[in-house]
Amino acid sequence: MKMKQLAIIALVFASISAHAEFVETMPSSQNMQMNTVQATQNMRDGYHVILEGYITGRASHVDSEKFFFKDETGSLKVEIDDDVWRGQKVSPQTKVRIWGEVDRDSFNRAMEVEVDRLEIIQ
């Protein structure tokens, strides 16, 4: 009897995983308005943004995840974790779209964008 119950439980779990579906949790550019660097400078901590522009270089030799991002309205510092790059090769001439979150330091009010997703624009 126990074997029959275990078989039924295994069958239920197998059928649940067979019907799994991936749902993208990152906001798409269709769901959010495109932002500019200039507008981002005035946003509150935690605000989600989408920016298009260029990664112009490293912002720090100490922290390898800090970069400068530039669009036609200005530049700001961004933090891009290694896994966000996903093997993409980006130079200062490569136009990118980034999705991220405004991060303000509560001590000195310095602002940067923590990048959650980076996409090369062709």
PDB file of N, CA and C in Angstrom:
ATOM      1  N   MET A   1       0.818  -1.194   0.000  1.00  0.00           N
ATOM      2  CA  MET A   1       0.000   0.000   0.000  1.00  0.00           C
ATOM      3  C   MET A   1       0.866   1.264   0.000  1.00  0.00           C
ATOM      4  N   LYS A   2       1.972   1.249   0.778  1.00  0.00           N
ATOM      5  CA  LYS A   2       2.851   2.411   0.817  1.00  0.00           C
ATOM      6  C   LYS A   2       3.470   2.680  -0.546  1.00  0.00           C
ATOM      7  N   MET A   3       3.813   1.655  -1.263  1.00  0.00           N
ATOM      8  CA  MET A   3       4.413   1.827  -2.584  1.00  0.00           C
ATOM      9  C   MET A   3       3.429   2.500  -3.533  1.00  0.00           C
ATOM     10  N   LYS A   4       2.157   2.148  -3.429  1.00  0.00           N
ATOM     11  CA  LYS A   4       1.138   2.741  -4.276  1.00  0.00           C
ATOM     12  C   LYS A   4       0.979   4.233  -3.961  1.00  0.00           C
ATOM     13  N   GLN A   5       0.994   4.579  -2.670  1.00  0.00           N
ATOM     14  CA  GLN A   5       0.888   5.974  -2.263  1.00  0.00           C
ATOM     15  C   GLN A   5       2.095   6.784  -2.729  1.00  0.00           C
ATOM     16  N   LEU A   6       3.283   6.207  -2.595  1.00  0.00           N
ATOM     17  CA  LEU A   6       4.500   6.886  -3.051  1.00  0.00           C
ATOM     18  C   LEU A   6       4.467   7.099  -4.566  1.00  0.00           C
ATOM     19  N   ALA A   7       3.969   6.121  -5.286  1.00  0.00           N
ATOM     20  CA  ALA A   7       3.876   6.239  -6.736  1.00  0.00           C
ATOM     21  C   ALA A   7       2.912   7.361  -7.127  1.00  0.00           C
ATOM     22  N   ILE A   8       1.798   7.476  -6.419  1.00  0.00           N
ATOM     23  CA  ILE A   8       0.817   8.529  -6.700  1.00  0.00           C
ATOM     24  C   ILE A   8       1.419   9.899  -6.403  1.00  0.00           C
ATOM     25  N   ILE A   9       2.113  10.012  -5.273  1.00  0.00           N
ATOM     26  CA  ILE A   9       2.747  11.287  -4.911  1.00  0.00           C
ATOM     27  C   ILE A   9       3.793  11.675  -5.948  1.00  0.00           C
ATOM     28  N   ALA A  10       4.604  10.718  -6.381  1.00  0.00           N
ATOM     29  CA  ALA A  10       5.624  10.987  -7.393  1.00  0.00           C
ATOM     30  C   ALA A  10       4.979  11.414  -8.705  1.00  0.00           C
ATOM     31  N   LEU A  11       3.873  10.794  -9.064  1.00  0.00           N
ATOM     32  CA  LEU A  11       3.162  11.150 -10.291  1.00  0.00           C
ATOM     33  C   LEU A  11       2.601  12.570 -10.216  1.00  0.00           C
ATOM     34  N   VAL A  12       2.075  12.950  -9.054  1.00  0.00           N
ATOM     35  CA  VAL A  12       1.543  14.301  -8.871  1.00  0.00           C
ATOM     36  C   VAL A  12       2.661  15.327  -9.019  1.00  0.00           C
ATOM     37  N   PHE A  13       3.796  15.091  -8.356  1.00  0.00           N
ATOM     38  CA  PHE A  13       4.917  16.033  -8.472  1.00  0.00           C
ATOM     39  C   PHE A  13       5.455  16.104  -9.897  1.00  0.00           C
ATOM     40  N   ALA A  14       5.501  15.005 -10.579  1.00  0.00           N
ATOM     41  CA  ALA A  14       5.982  14.989 -11.964  1.00  0.00           C
ATOM     42  C   ALA A  14       5.050  15.787 -12.865  1.00  0.00           C
ATOM     43  N   SER A  15       3.755  15.665 -12.654  1.00  0.00           N
ATOM     44  CA  SER A  15       2.806  16.389 -13.503  1.00  0.00           C
ATOM     45  C   SER A  15       2.842  17.887 -13.215  1.00  0.00           C
ATOM     46  N   ILE A  16       3.114  18.277 -11.967  1.00  0.00           N
ATOM     47  CA  ILE A  16       3.221  19.697 -11.621  1.00  0.00           C
ATOM     48  C   ILE A  16       4.426  20.312 -12.321  1.00  0.00           C
ATOM     49  N   SER A  17       5.571  19.654 -12.276  1.00  0.00           N
ATOM     50  CA  SER A  17       6.772  20.207 -12.901  1.00  0.00           C
ATOM     51  C   SER A  17       6.676  20.191 -14.422  1.00  0.00           C
ATOM     52  N   ALA A  18       5.909  19.283 -14.985  1.00  0.00           N
ATOM     53  CA  ALA A  18       5.756  19.230 -16.431  1.00  0.00           C
ATOM     54  C   ALA A  18       4.956  20.421 -16.949  1.00  0.00           C
ATOM     55  N   HIS A  19       4.164  21.033 -16.100  1.00  0.00           N
ATOM     56  CA  HIS A  19       3.349  22.168 -16.506  1.00  0.00           C
ATOM     57  C   HIS A  19       3.920  23.495 -16.012  1.00  0.00           C
ATOM     58  N   ALA A  20       5.170  23.496 -15.587  1.00  0.00           N
ATOM     59  CA  ALA A  20       5.792  24.733 -15.111  1.00  0.00           C
ATOM     60  C   ALA A  20       5.934  25.710 -16.266  1.00  0.00           C
ATOM     61  N   GLU A  21       5.898  26.977 -15.946  1.00  0.00           N
ATOM     62  CA  GLU A  21       6.006  28.023 -16.958  1.00  0.00           C
ATOM     63  C   GLU A  21       6.904  29.127 -16.437  1.00  0.00           C
ATOM     64  N   PHE A  22       7.792  29.600 -17.289  1.00  0.00           N
ATOM     65  CA  PHE A  22       8.673  30.696 -16.910  1.00  0.00           C
ATOM     66  C   PHE A  22       7.925  32.007 -17.096  1.00  0.00           C
ATOM     67  N   VAL A  23       7.948  32.841 -16.075  1.00  0.00           N
ATOM     68  CA  VAL A  23       7.343  34.165 -16.141  1.00  0.00           C
ATOM     69  C   VAL A  23       8.440  35.170 -15.852  1.00  0.00           C
ATOM     70  N   GLU A  24       8.701  36.042 -16.802  1.00  0.00           N
ATOM     71  CA  GLU A  24       9.768  37.016 -16.632  1.00  0.00           C
ATOM     72  C   GLU A  24       9.396  38.009 -15.548  1.00  0.00           C
ATOM     73  N   THR A  25      10.300  38.182 -14.568  1.00  0.00           N
ATOM     74  CA  THR A  25      10.022  39.084 -13.460  1.00  0.00           C
ATOM     75  C   THR A  25      10.568  40.478 -13.701  1.00  0.00           C
ATOM     76  N   MET A  26      11.500  40.619 -14.626  1.00  0.00           N
ATOM     77  CA  MET A  26      12.054  41.933 -14.915  1.00  0.00           C
ATOM     78  C   MET A  26      11.053  42.741 -15.720  1.00  0.00           C
ATOM     79  N   PRO A  27      10.898  44.012 -15.419  1.00  0.00           N
ATOM     80  CA  PRO A  27      10.000  44.830 -16.223  1.00  0.00           C
ATOM     81  C   PRO A  27      10.548  44.982 -17.631  1.00  0.00           C
ATOM     82  N   SER A  28       9.679  44.980 -18.607  1.00  0.00           N
ATOM     83  CA  SER A  28      10.120  45.182 -19.983  1.00  0.00           C
ATOM     84  C   SER A  28       9.975  46.655 -20.335  1.00  0.00           C
ATOM     85  N   SER A  29      10.602  47.045 -21.426  1.00  0.00           N
ATOM     86  CA  SER A  29      10.513  48.445 -21.825  1.00  0.00           C
ATOM     87  C   SER A  29       9.105  48.799 -22.278  1.00  0.00           C
ATOM     88  N   GLN A  30       8.272  47.795 -22.601  1.00  0.00           N
ATOM     89  CA  GLN A  30       6.895  48.092 -22.970  1.00  0.00           C
ATOM     90  C   GLN A  30       6.063  48.437 -21.739  1.00  0.00           C
ATOM     91  N   ASN A  31       6.448  47.923 -20.569  1.00  0.00           N
ATOM     92  CA  ASN A  31       5.691  48.155 -19.341  1.00  0.00           C
ATOM     93  C   ASN A  31       6.137  49.411 -18.606  1.00  0.00           C
ATOM     94  N   MET A  32       7.317  49.907 -18.921  1.00  0.00           N
ATOM     95  CA  MET A  32       7.861  51.055 -18.208  1.00  0.00           C
ATOM     96  C   MET A  32       8.282  52.128 -19.200  1.00  0.00           C
ATOM     97  N   GLN A  33       8.305  53.328 -18.721  1.00  0.00           N
ATOM     98  CA  GLN A  33       8.738  54.463 -19.528  1.00  0.00           C
ATOM     99  C   GLN A  33      10.259  54.544 -19.534  1.00  0.00           C
ATOM    100  N   MET A  34      10.825  54.867 -20.696  1.00  0.00           N
ATOM    101  CA  MET A  34      12.265  55.061 -20.800  1.00  0.00           C
ATOM    102  C   MET A  34      12.638  56.312 -20.010  1.00  0.00           C
ATOM    103  N   ASN A  35      13.747  56.264 -19.284  1.00  0.00           N
ATOM    104  CA  ASN A  35      14.205  57.389 -18.476  1.00  0.00           C
ATOM    105  C   ASN A  35      15.482  57.966 -19.070  1.00  0.00           C
ATOM    106  N   THR A  36      15.863  59.143 -18.590  1.00  0.00           N
ATOM    107  CA  THR A  36      17.135  59.747 -18.965  1.00  0.00           C
ATOM    108  C   THR A  36      17.995  59.855 -17.710  1.00  0.00           C
ATOM    109  N   VAL A  37      19.292  60.032 -17.920  1.00  0.00           N
ATOM    110  CA  VAL A  37      20.199  60.234 -16.790  1.00  0.00           C
ATOM    111  C   VAL A  37      19.767  61.459 -15.998  1.00  0.00           C
ATOM    112  N   GLN A  38      19.445  62.538 -16.686  1.00  0.00           N
ATOM    113  CA  GLN A  38      19.059  63.772 -16.009  1.00  0.00           C
ATOM    114  C   GLN A  38      17.829  63.555 -15.121  1.00  0.00           C
ATOM    115  N   ALA A  39      16.818  62.864 -15.619  1.00  0.00           N
ATOM    116  CA  ALA A  39      15.612  62.602 -14.822  1.00  0.00           C
ATOM    117  C   ALA A  39      15.914  61.662 -13.662  1.00  0.00           C
ATOM    118  N   THR A  40      16.806  60.720 -13.880  1.00  0.00           N
ATOM    119  CA  THR A  40      17.154  59.746 -12.849  1.00  0.00           C
ATOM    120  C   THR A  40      17.828  60.407 -11.654  1.00  0.00           C
ATOM    121  N   GLN A  41      18.570  61.483 -11.893  1.00  0.00           N
ATOM    122  CA  GLN A  41      19.283  62.182 -10.818  1.00  0.00           C
ATOM    123  C   GLN A  41      18.343  62.656  -9.708  1.00  0.00           C
ATOM    124  N   ASN A  42      17.087  62.902 -10.031  1.00  0.00           N
ATOM    125  CA  ASN A  42      16.122  63.424  -9.057  1.00  0.00           C
ATOM    126  C   ASN A  42      15.204  62.358  -8.467  1.00  0.00           C
ATOM    127  N   MET A  43      15.407  61.108  -8.820  1.00  0.00           N
ATOM    128  CA  MET A  43      14.514  60.050  -8.362  1.00  0.00           C
ATOM    129  C   MET A  43      14.895  59.545  -6.983  1.00  0.00           C
ATOM    130  N   ARG A  44      13.912  59.003  -6.302  1.00  0.00           N
ATOM    131  CA  ARG A  44      14.111  58.462  -4.960  1.00  0.00           C
ATOM    132  C   ARG A  44      14.763  57.096  -4.994  1.00  0.00           C
ATOM    133  N   ASP A  45      15.318  56.720  -3.854  1.00  0.00           N
ATOM    134  CA  ASP A  45      15.907  55.408  -3.659  1.00  0.00           C
ATOM    135  C   ASP A  45      14.858  54.336  -3.941  1.00  0.00           C
ATOM    136  N   GLY A  46      15.249  53.308  -4.686  1.00  0.00           N
ATOM    137  CA  GLY A  46      14.359  52.198  -4.959  1.00  0.00           C
ATOM    138  C   GLY A  46      13.532  52.327  -6.224  1.00  0.00           C
ATOM    139  N   TYR A  47      13.594  53.473  -6.888  1.00  0.00           N
ATOM    140  CA  TYR A  47      12.810  53.690  -8.104  1.00  0.00           C
ATOM    141  C   TYR A  47      13.413  52.866  -9.242  1.00  0.00           C
ATOM    142  N   HIS A  48      12.578  52.163 -10.003  1.00  0.00           N
ATOM    143  CA  HIS A  48      13.040  51.345 -11.127  1.00  0.00           C
ATOM    144  C   HIS A  48      13.122  52.199 -12.391  1.00  0.00           C
ATOM    145  N   VAL A  49      14.231  52.050 -13.113  1.00  0.00           N
ATOM    146  CA  VAL A  49      14.469  52.847 -14.311  1.00  0.00           C
ATOM    147  C   VAL A  49      14.916  51.969 -15.475  1.00  0.00           C
ATOM    148  N   ILE A  50      14.694  52.497 -16.669  1.00  0.00           N
ATOM    149  CA  ILE A  50      15.248  51.920 -17.896  1.00  0.00           C
ATOM    150  C   ILE A  50      15.990  53.057 -18.592  1.00  0.00           C
ATOM    151  N   LEU A  51      17.241  52.810 -18.913  1.00  0.00           N
ATOM    152  CA  LEU A  51      18.073  53.829 -19.549  1.00  0.00           C
ATOM    153  C   LEU A  51      18.698  53.266 -20.821  1.00  0.00           C
ATOM    154  N   GLU A  52      18.868  54.112 -21.830  1.00  0.00           N
ATOM    155  CA  GLU A  52      19.584  53.740 -23.043  1.00  0.00           C
ATOM    156  C   GLU A  52      20.766  54.671 -23.206  1.00  0.00           C
ATOM    157  N   GLY A  53      21.922  54.093 -23.477  1.00  0.00           N
ATOM    158  CA  GLY A  53      23.123  54.894 -23.652  1.00  0.00           C
ATOM    159  C   GLY A  53      24.348  54.011 -23.744  1.00  0.00           C
ATOM    160  N   TYR A  54      25.439  54.470 -23.133  1.00  0.00           N
ATOM    161  CA  TYR A  54      26.734  53.827 -23.303  1.00  0.00           C
ATOM    162  C   TYR A  54      27.449  53.659 -21.964  1.00  0.00           C
ATOM    163  N   ILE A  55      28.091  52.525 -21.779  1.00  0.00           N
ATOM    164  CA  ILE A  55      28.993  52.313 -20.644  1.00  0.00           C
ATOM    165  C   ILE A  55      30.330  52.889 -21.098  1.00  0.00           C
ATOM    166  N   THR A  56      30.774  53.972 -20.455  1.00  0.00           N
ATOM    167  CA  THR A  56      31.953  54.680 -20.955  1.00  0.00           C
ATOM    168  C   THR A  56      33.258  54.257 -20.298  1.00  0.00           C
ATOM    169  N   GLY A  57      33.186  53.542 -19.181  1.00  0.00           N
ATOM    170  CA  GLY A  57      34.414  53.086 -18.542  1.00  0.00           C
ATOM    171  C   GLY A  57      34.186  52.710 -17.095  1.00  0.00           C
ATOM    172  N   ARG A  58      35.245  52.234 -16.473  1.00  0.00           N
ATOM    173  CA  ARG A  58      35.185  51.862 -15.055  1.00  0.00           C
ATOM    174  C   ARG A  58      35.176  53.103 -14.188  1.00  0.00           C
ATOM    175  N   ALA A  59      34.410  53.055 -13.127  1.00  0.00           N
ATOM    176  CA  ALA A  59      34.335  54.194 -12.207  1.00  0.00           C
ATOM    177  C   ALA A  59      35.300  54.037 -11.048  1.00  0.00           C
ATOM    178  N   SER A  60      35.824  52.823 -10.867  1.00  0.00           N
ATOM    179  CA  SER A  60      36.692  52.584  -9.720  1.00  0.00           C
ATOM    180  C   SER A  60      37.660  51.452 -10.026  1.00  0.00           C
ATOM    181  N   HIS A  61      38.889  51.612  -9.580  1.00  0.00           N
ATOM    182  CA  HIS A  61      39.849  50.518  -9.697  1.00  0.00           C
ATOM    183  C   HIS A  61      39.692  49.549  -8.535  1.00  0.00           C
ATOM    184  N   VAL A  62      39.098  50.020  -7.466  1.00  0.00           N
ATOM    185  CA  VAL A  62      38.914  49.198  -6.265  1.00  0.00           C
ATOM    186  C   VAL A  62      37.713  48.271  -6.422  1.00  0.00           C
ATOM    187  N   ASP A  63      36.597  48.793  -6.900  1.00  0.00           N
ATOM    188  CA  ASP A  63      35.376  48.017  -7.057  1.00  0.00           C
ATOM    189  C   ASP A  63      35.150  47.758  -8.545  1.00  0.00           C
ATOM    190  N   SER A  64      35.367  46.519  -8.977  1.00  0.00           N
ATOM    191  CA  SER A  64      35.297  46.187 -10.403  1.00  0.00           C
ATOM    192  C   SER A  64      33.880  46.177 -10.962  1.00  0.00           C
ATOM    193  N   GLU A  65      32.871  46.391 -10.133  1.00  0.00           N
ATOM    194  CA  GLU A  65      31.484  46.385 -10.597  1.00  0.00           C
ATOM    195  C   GLU A  65      30.927  47.793 -10.818  1.00  0.00           C
ATOM    196  N   LYS A  66      31.729  48.822 -10.609  1.00  0.00           N
ATOM    197  CA  LYS A  66      31.284  50.213 -10.759  1.00  0.00           C
ATOM    198  C   LYS A  66      31.740  50.757 -12.114  1.00  0.00           C
ATOM    199  N   PHE A  67      30.784  51.343 -12.853  1.00  0.00           N
ATOM    200  CA  PHE A  67      31.047  51.882 -14.184  1.00  0.00           C
ATOM    201  C   PHE A  67      30.352  53.226 -14.335  1.00  0.00           C
ATOM    202  N   PHE A  68      30.756  53.972 -15.370  1.00  0.00           N
ATOM    203  CA  PHE A  68      30.056  55.183 -15.741  1.00  0.00           C
ATOM    204  C   PHE A  68      29.144  54.873 -16.923  1.00  0.00           C
ATOM    205  N   PHE A  69      27.938  55.406 -16.860  1.00  0.00           N
ATOM    206  CA  PHE A  69      26.945  55.267 -17.916  1.00  0.00           C
ATOM    207  C   PHE A  69      26.613  56.656 -18.426  1.00  0.00           C
ATOM    208  N   LYS A  70      26.443  56.810 -19.745  1.00  0.00           N
ATOM    209  CA  LYS A  70      26.196  58.128 -20.329  1.00  0.00           C
ATOM    210  C   LYS A  70      25.085  58.041 -21.365  1.00  0.00           C
ATOM    211  N   ASP A  71      24.200  59.033 -21.341  1.00  0.00           N
ATOM    212  CA  ASP A  71      23.247  59.229 -22.432  1.00  0.00           C
ATOM    213  C   ASP A  71      23.353  60.683 -22.876  1.00  0.00           C
ATOM    214  N   GLU A  72      22.424  61.145 -23.713  1.00  0.00           N
ATOM    215  CA  GLU A  72      22.523  62.511 -24.249  1.00  0.00           C
ATOM    216  C   GLU A  72      22.277  63.589 -23.200  1.00  0.00           C
ATOM    217  N   THR A  73      21.800  63.204 -21.982  1.00  0.00           N
ATOM    218  CA  THR A  73      21.492  64.205 -20.956  1.00  0.00           C
ATOM    219  C   THR A  73      22.521  64.277 -19.833  1.00  0.00           C
ATOM    220  N   GLY A  74      23.456  63.341 -19.789  1.00  0.00           N
ATOM    221  CA  GLY A  74      24.460  63.356 -18.732  1.00  0.00           C
ATOM    222  C   GLY A  74      25.030  61.982 -18.453  1.00  0.00           C
ATOM    223  N   SER A  75      25.738  61.874 -17.320  1.00  0.00           N
ATOM    224  CA  SER A  75      26.326  60.586 -16.951  1.00  0.00           C
ATOM    225  C   SER A  75      26.099  60.325 -15.476  1.00  0.00           C
ATOM    226  N   LEU A  76      26.171  59.047 -15.112  1.00  0.00           N
ATOM    227  CA  LEU A  76      26.029  58.646 -13.721  1.00  0.00           C
ATOM    228  C   LEU A  76      26.775  57.339 -13.500  1.00  0.00           C
ATOM    229  N   LYS A  77      26.909  56.980 -12.238  1.00  0.00           N
ATOM    230  CA  LYS A  77      27.594  55.752 -11.873  1.00  0.00           C
ATOM    231  C   LYS A  77      26.577  54.613 -11.819  1.00  0.00           C
ATOM    232  N   VAL A  78      26.971  53.457 -12.337  1.00  0.00           N
ATOM    233  CA  VAL A  78      26.132  52.266 -12.281  1.00  0.00           C
ATOM    234  C   VAL A  78      26.936  51.116 -11.675  1.00  0.00           C
ATOM    235  N   GLU A  79      26.219  50.204 -11.052  1.00  0.00           N
ATOM    236  CA  GLU A  79      26.834  48.988 -10.523  1.00  0.00           C
ATOM    237  C   GLU A  79      26.308  47.811 -11.319  1.00  0.00           C
ATOM    238  N   ILE A  80      27.229  47.085 -11.963  1.00  0.00           N
ATOM    239  CA  ILE A  80      26.845  45.952 -12.801  1.00  0.00           C
ATOM    240  C   ILE A  80      27.559  44.718 -12.276  1.00  0.00           C
ATOM    241  N   ASP A  81      26.806  43.806 -11.660  1.00  0.00           N
ATOM    242  CA  ASP A  81      27.366  42.560 -11.163  1.00  0.00           C
ATOM    243  C   ASP A  81      27.812  41.684 -12.337  1.00  0.00           C
ATOM    244  N   ASP A  82      28.764  40.798 -12.086  1.00  0.00           N
ATOM    245  CA  ASP A  82      29.311  39.950 -13.138  1.00  0.00           C
ATOM    246  C   ASP A  82      28.244  39.144 -13.878  1.00  0.00           C
ATOM    247  N   ASP A  83      27.242  38.637 -13.157  1.00  0.00           N
ATOM    248  CA  ASP A  83      26.228  37.799 -13.798  1.00  0.00           C
ATOM    249  C   ASP A  83      25.318  38.597 -14.734  1.00  0.00           C
ATOM    250  N   VAL A  84      25.228  39.910 -14.585  1.00  0.00           N
ATOM    251  CA  VAL A  84      24.381  40.743 -15.439  1.00  0.00           C
ATOM    252  C   VAL A  84      24.966  40.848 -16.849  1.00  0.00           C
ATOM    253  N   TRP A  85      26.282  40.772 -16.972  1.00  0.00           N
ATOM    254  CA  TRP A  85      26.927  40.890 -18.286  1.00  0.00           C
ATOM    255  C   TRP A  85      26.544  39.737 -19.208  1.00  0.00           C
ATOM    256  N   ARG A  86      26.322  38.540 -18.665  1.00  0.00           N
ATOM    257  CA  ARG A  86      25.948  37.338 -19.421  1.00  0.00           C
ATOM    258  C   ARG A  86      26.853  37.104 -20.639  1.00  0.00           C
ATOM    259  N   GLY A  87      28.134  37.371 -20.485  1.00  0.00           N
ATOM    260  CA  GLY A  87      29.088  37.116 -21.557  1.00  0.00           C
ATOM    261  C   GLY A  87      29.059  38.107 -22.703  1.00  0.00           C
ATOM    262  N   GLN A  88      28.254  39.156 -22.591  1.00  0.00           N
ATOM    263  CA  GLN A  88      28.168  40.155 -23.658  1.00  0.00           C
ATOM    264  C   GLN A  88      29.412  41.038 -23.638  1.00  0.00           C
ATOM    265  N   LYS A  89      29.932  41.345 -24.809  1.00  0.00           N
ATOM    266  CA  LYS A  89      31.091  42.228 -24.954  1.00  0.00           C
ATOM    267  C   LYS A  89      30.593  43.637 -25.239  1.00  0.00           C
ATOM    268  N   VAL A  90      30.935  44.580 -24.361  1.00  0.00           N
ATOM    269  CA  VAL A  90      30.463  45.957 -24.474  1.00  0.00           C
ATOM    270  C   VAL A  90      31.660  46.896 -24.449  1.00  0.00           C
ATOM    271  N   SER A  91      31.700  47.817 -25.410  1.00  0.00           N
ATOM    272  CA  SER A  91      32.737  48.851 -25.444  1.00  0.00           C
ATOM    273  C   SER A  91      32.044  50.205 -25.298  1.00  0.00           C
ATOM    274  N   PRO A  92      32.809  51.292 -25.164  1.00  0.00           N
ATOM    275  CA  PRO A  92      32.185  52.620 -25.062  1.00  0.00           C
ATOM    276  C   PRO A  92      31.370  53.009 -26.304  1.00  0.00           C
ATOM    277  N   GLN A  93      31.540  52.305 -27.421  1.00  0.00           N
ATOM    278  CA  GLN A  93      30.774  52.591 -28.637  1.00  0.00           C
ATOM    279  C   GLN A  93      29.526  51.716 -28.767  1.00  0.00           C
ATOM    280  N   THR A  94      29.324  50.794 -27.831  1.00  0.00           N
ATOM    281  CA  THR A  94      28.189  49.869 -27.874  1.00  0.00           C
ATOM    282  C   THR A  94      26.997  50.483 -27.152  1.00  0.00           C
ATOM    283  N   LYS A  95      25.902  50.685 -27.876  1.00  0.00           N
ATOM    284  CA  LYS A  95      24.695  51.230 -27.246  1.00  0.00           C
ATOM    285  C   LYS A  95      23.988  50.101 -26.496  1.00  0.00           C
ATOM    286  N   VAL A  96      23.617  50.411 -25.246  1.00  0.00           N
ATOM    287  CA  VAL A  96      22.968  49.407 -24.403  1.00  0.00           C
ATOM    288  C   VAL A  96      21.688  49.968 -23.787  1.00  0.00           C
ATOM    289  N   ARG A  97      20.836  49.056 -23.376  1.00  0.00           N
ATOM    290  CA  ARG A  97      19.654  49.404 -22.570  1.00  0.00           C
ATOM    291  C   ARG A  97      19.848  48.700 -21.234  1.00  0.00           C
ATOM    292  N   ILE A  98      19.695  49.460 -20.149  1.00  0.00           N
ATOM    293  CA  ILE A  98      19.829  48.858 -18.826  1.00  0.00           C
ATOM    294  C   ILE A  98      18.534  49.046 -18.035  1.00  0.00           C
ATOM    295  N   TRP A  99      18.213  48.019 -17.273  1.00  0.00           N
ATOM    296  CA  TRP A  99      17.102  48.062 -16.334  1.00  0.00           C
ATOM    297  C   TRP A  99      17.737  48.031 -14.958  1.00  0.00           C
ATOM    298  N   GLY A 100      17.312  48.898 -14.070  1.00  0.00           N
ATOM    299  CA  GLY A 100      17.920  48.912 -12.752  1.00  0.00           C
ATOM    300  C   GLY A 100      17.097  49.655 -11.738  1.00  0.00           C
ATOM    301  N   GLU A 101      17.715  49.843 -10.589  1.00  0.00           N
ATOM    302  CA  GLU A 101      17.056  50.484  -9.455  1.00  0.00           C
ATOM    303  C   GLU A 101      17.954  51.575  -8.900  1.00  0.00           C
ATOM    304  N   VAL A 102      17.363  52.731  -8.665  1.00  0.00           N
ATOM    305  CA  VAL A 102      18.101  53.849  -8.083  1.00  0.00           C
ATOM    306  C   VAL A 102      18.521  53.477  -6.664  1.00  0.00           C
ATOM    307  N   ASP A 103      19.793  53.702  -6.367  1.00  0.00           N
ATOM    308  CA  ASP A 103      20.329  53.406  -5.036  1.00  0.00           C
ATOM    309  C   ASP A 103      20.990  54.669  -4.502  1.00  0.00           C
ATOM    310  N   ARG A 104      20.398  55.243  -3.459  1.00  0.00           N
ATOM    311  CA  ARG A 104      20.955  56.440  -2.827  1.00  0.00           C
ATOM    312  C   ARG A 104      21.589  56.057  -1.498  1.00  0.00           C
ATOM    313  N   ASP A 105      22.805  56.520  -1.288  1.00  0.00           N
ATOM    314  CA  ASP A 105      23.495  56.304  -0.021  1.00  0.00           C
ATOM    315  C   ASP A 105      22.845  57.202   1.032  1.00  0.00           C
ATOM    316  N   SER A 106      22.386  56.624   2.116  1.00  0.00           N
ATOM    317  CA  SER A 106      21.673  57.414   3.131  1.00  0.00           C
ATOM    318  C   SER A 106      22.595  58.382   3.869  1.00  0.00           C
ATOM    319  N   PHE A 107      23.908  58.140   3.849  1.00  0.00           N
ATOM    320  CA  PHE A 107      24.839  59.015   4.553  1.00  0.00           C
ATOM    321  C   PHE A 107      25.152  60.279   3.747  1.00  0.00           C
ATOM    322  N   ASN A 108      25.616  60.095   2.504  1.00  0.00           N
ATOM    323  CA  ASN A 108      26.033  61.264   1.730  1.00  0.00           C
ATOM    324  C   ASN A 108      25.127  61.551   0.524  1.00  0.00           C
ATOM    325  N   ARG A 109      24.042  60.814   0.394  1.00  0.00           N
ATOM    326  CA  ARG A 109      23.047  60.983  -0.663  1.00  0.00           C
ATOM    327  C   ARG A 109      23.622  60.753  -2.066  1.00  0.00           C
ATOM    328  N   ALA A 110      24.797  60.112  -2.146  1.00  0.00           N
ATOM    329  CA  ALA A 110      25.346  59.762  -3.457  1.00  0.00           C
ATOM    330  C   ALA A 110      24.387  58.794  -4.144  1.00  0.00           C
ATOM    331  N   MET A 111      24.275  58.924  -5.466  1.00  0.00           N
ATOM    332  CA  MET A 111      23.317  58.121  -6.207  1.00  0.00           C
ATOM    333  C   MET A 111      24.010  57.307  -7.279  1.00  0.00           C
ATOM    334  N   GLU A 112      23.531  56.075  -7.449  1.00  0.00           N
ATOM    335  CA  GLU A 112      23.955  55.230  -8.554  1.00  0.00           C
ATOM    336  C   GLU A 112      22.773  54.349  -8.917  1.00  0.00           C
ATOM    337  N   VAL A 113      22.892  53.646 -10.021  1.00  0.00           N
ATOM    338  CA  VAL A 113      21.854  52.708 -10.434  1.00  0.00           C
ATOM    339  C   VAL A 113      22.432  51.305 -10.345  1.00  0.00           C
ATOM    340  N   GLU A 114      21.746  50.440  -9.603  1.00  0.00           N
ATOM    341  CA  GLU A 114      22.121  49.026  -9.539  1.00  0.00           C
ATOM    342  C   GLU A 114      21.450  48.334 -10.717  1.00  0.00           C
ATOM    343  N   VAL A 115      22.247  47.857 -11.656  1.00  0.00           N
ATOM    344  CA  VAL A 115      21.733  47.282 -12.894  1.00  0.00           C
ATOM    345  C   VAL A 115      21.324  45.831 -12.663  1.00  0.00           C
ATOM    346  N   ASP A 116      20.083  45.522 -13.070  1.00  0.00           N
ATOM    347  CA  ASP A 116      19.560  44.165 -12.962  1.00  0.00           C
ATOM    348  C   ASP A 116      19.638  43.427 -14.295  1.00  0.00           C
ATOM    349  N   ARG A 117      19.618  44.191 -15.369  1.00  0.00           N
ATOM    350  CA  ARG A 117      19.599  43.588 -16.713  1.00  0.00           C
ATOM    351  C   ARG A 117      20.270  44.551 -17.680  1.00  0.00           C
ATOM    352  N   LEU A 118      21.051  44.001 -18.605  1.00  0.00           N
ATOM    353  CA  LEU A 118      21.756  44.793 -19.614  1.00  0.00           C
ATOM    354  C   LEU A 118      21.537  44.122 -20.963  1.00  0.00           C
ATOM    355  N   GLU A 119      21.167  44.916 -21.943  1.00  0.00           N
ATOM    356  CA  GLU A 119      20.890  44.396 -23.271  1.00  0.00           C
ATOM    357  C   GLU A 119      21.570  45.284 -24.308  1.00  0.00           C
ATOM    358  N   ILE A 120      22.264  44.674 -25.255  1.00  0.00           N
ATOM    359  CA  ILE A 120      22.893  45.427 -26.336  1.00  0.00           C
ATOM    360  C   ILE A 120      21.816  45.795 -27.349  1.00  0.00           C
ATOM    361  N   ILE A 121      21.829  47.060 -27.779  1.00  0.00           N
ATOM    362  CA  ILE A 121      20.866  47.545 -28.770  1.00  0.00           C
ATOM    363  C   ILE A 121      21.568  47.590 -30.117  1.00  0.00           C
ATOM    364  N   GLN A 122      21.005  46.967 -31.092  1.00  0.00           N
ATOM    365  CA  GLN A 122      21.609  46.928 -32.440  1.00  0.00           C
ATOM    366  C   GLN A 122      21.130  48.063 -33.281  1.00  0.00           C
TER     367      GLN A 122
END
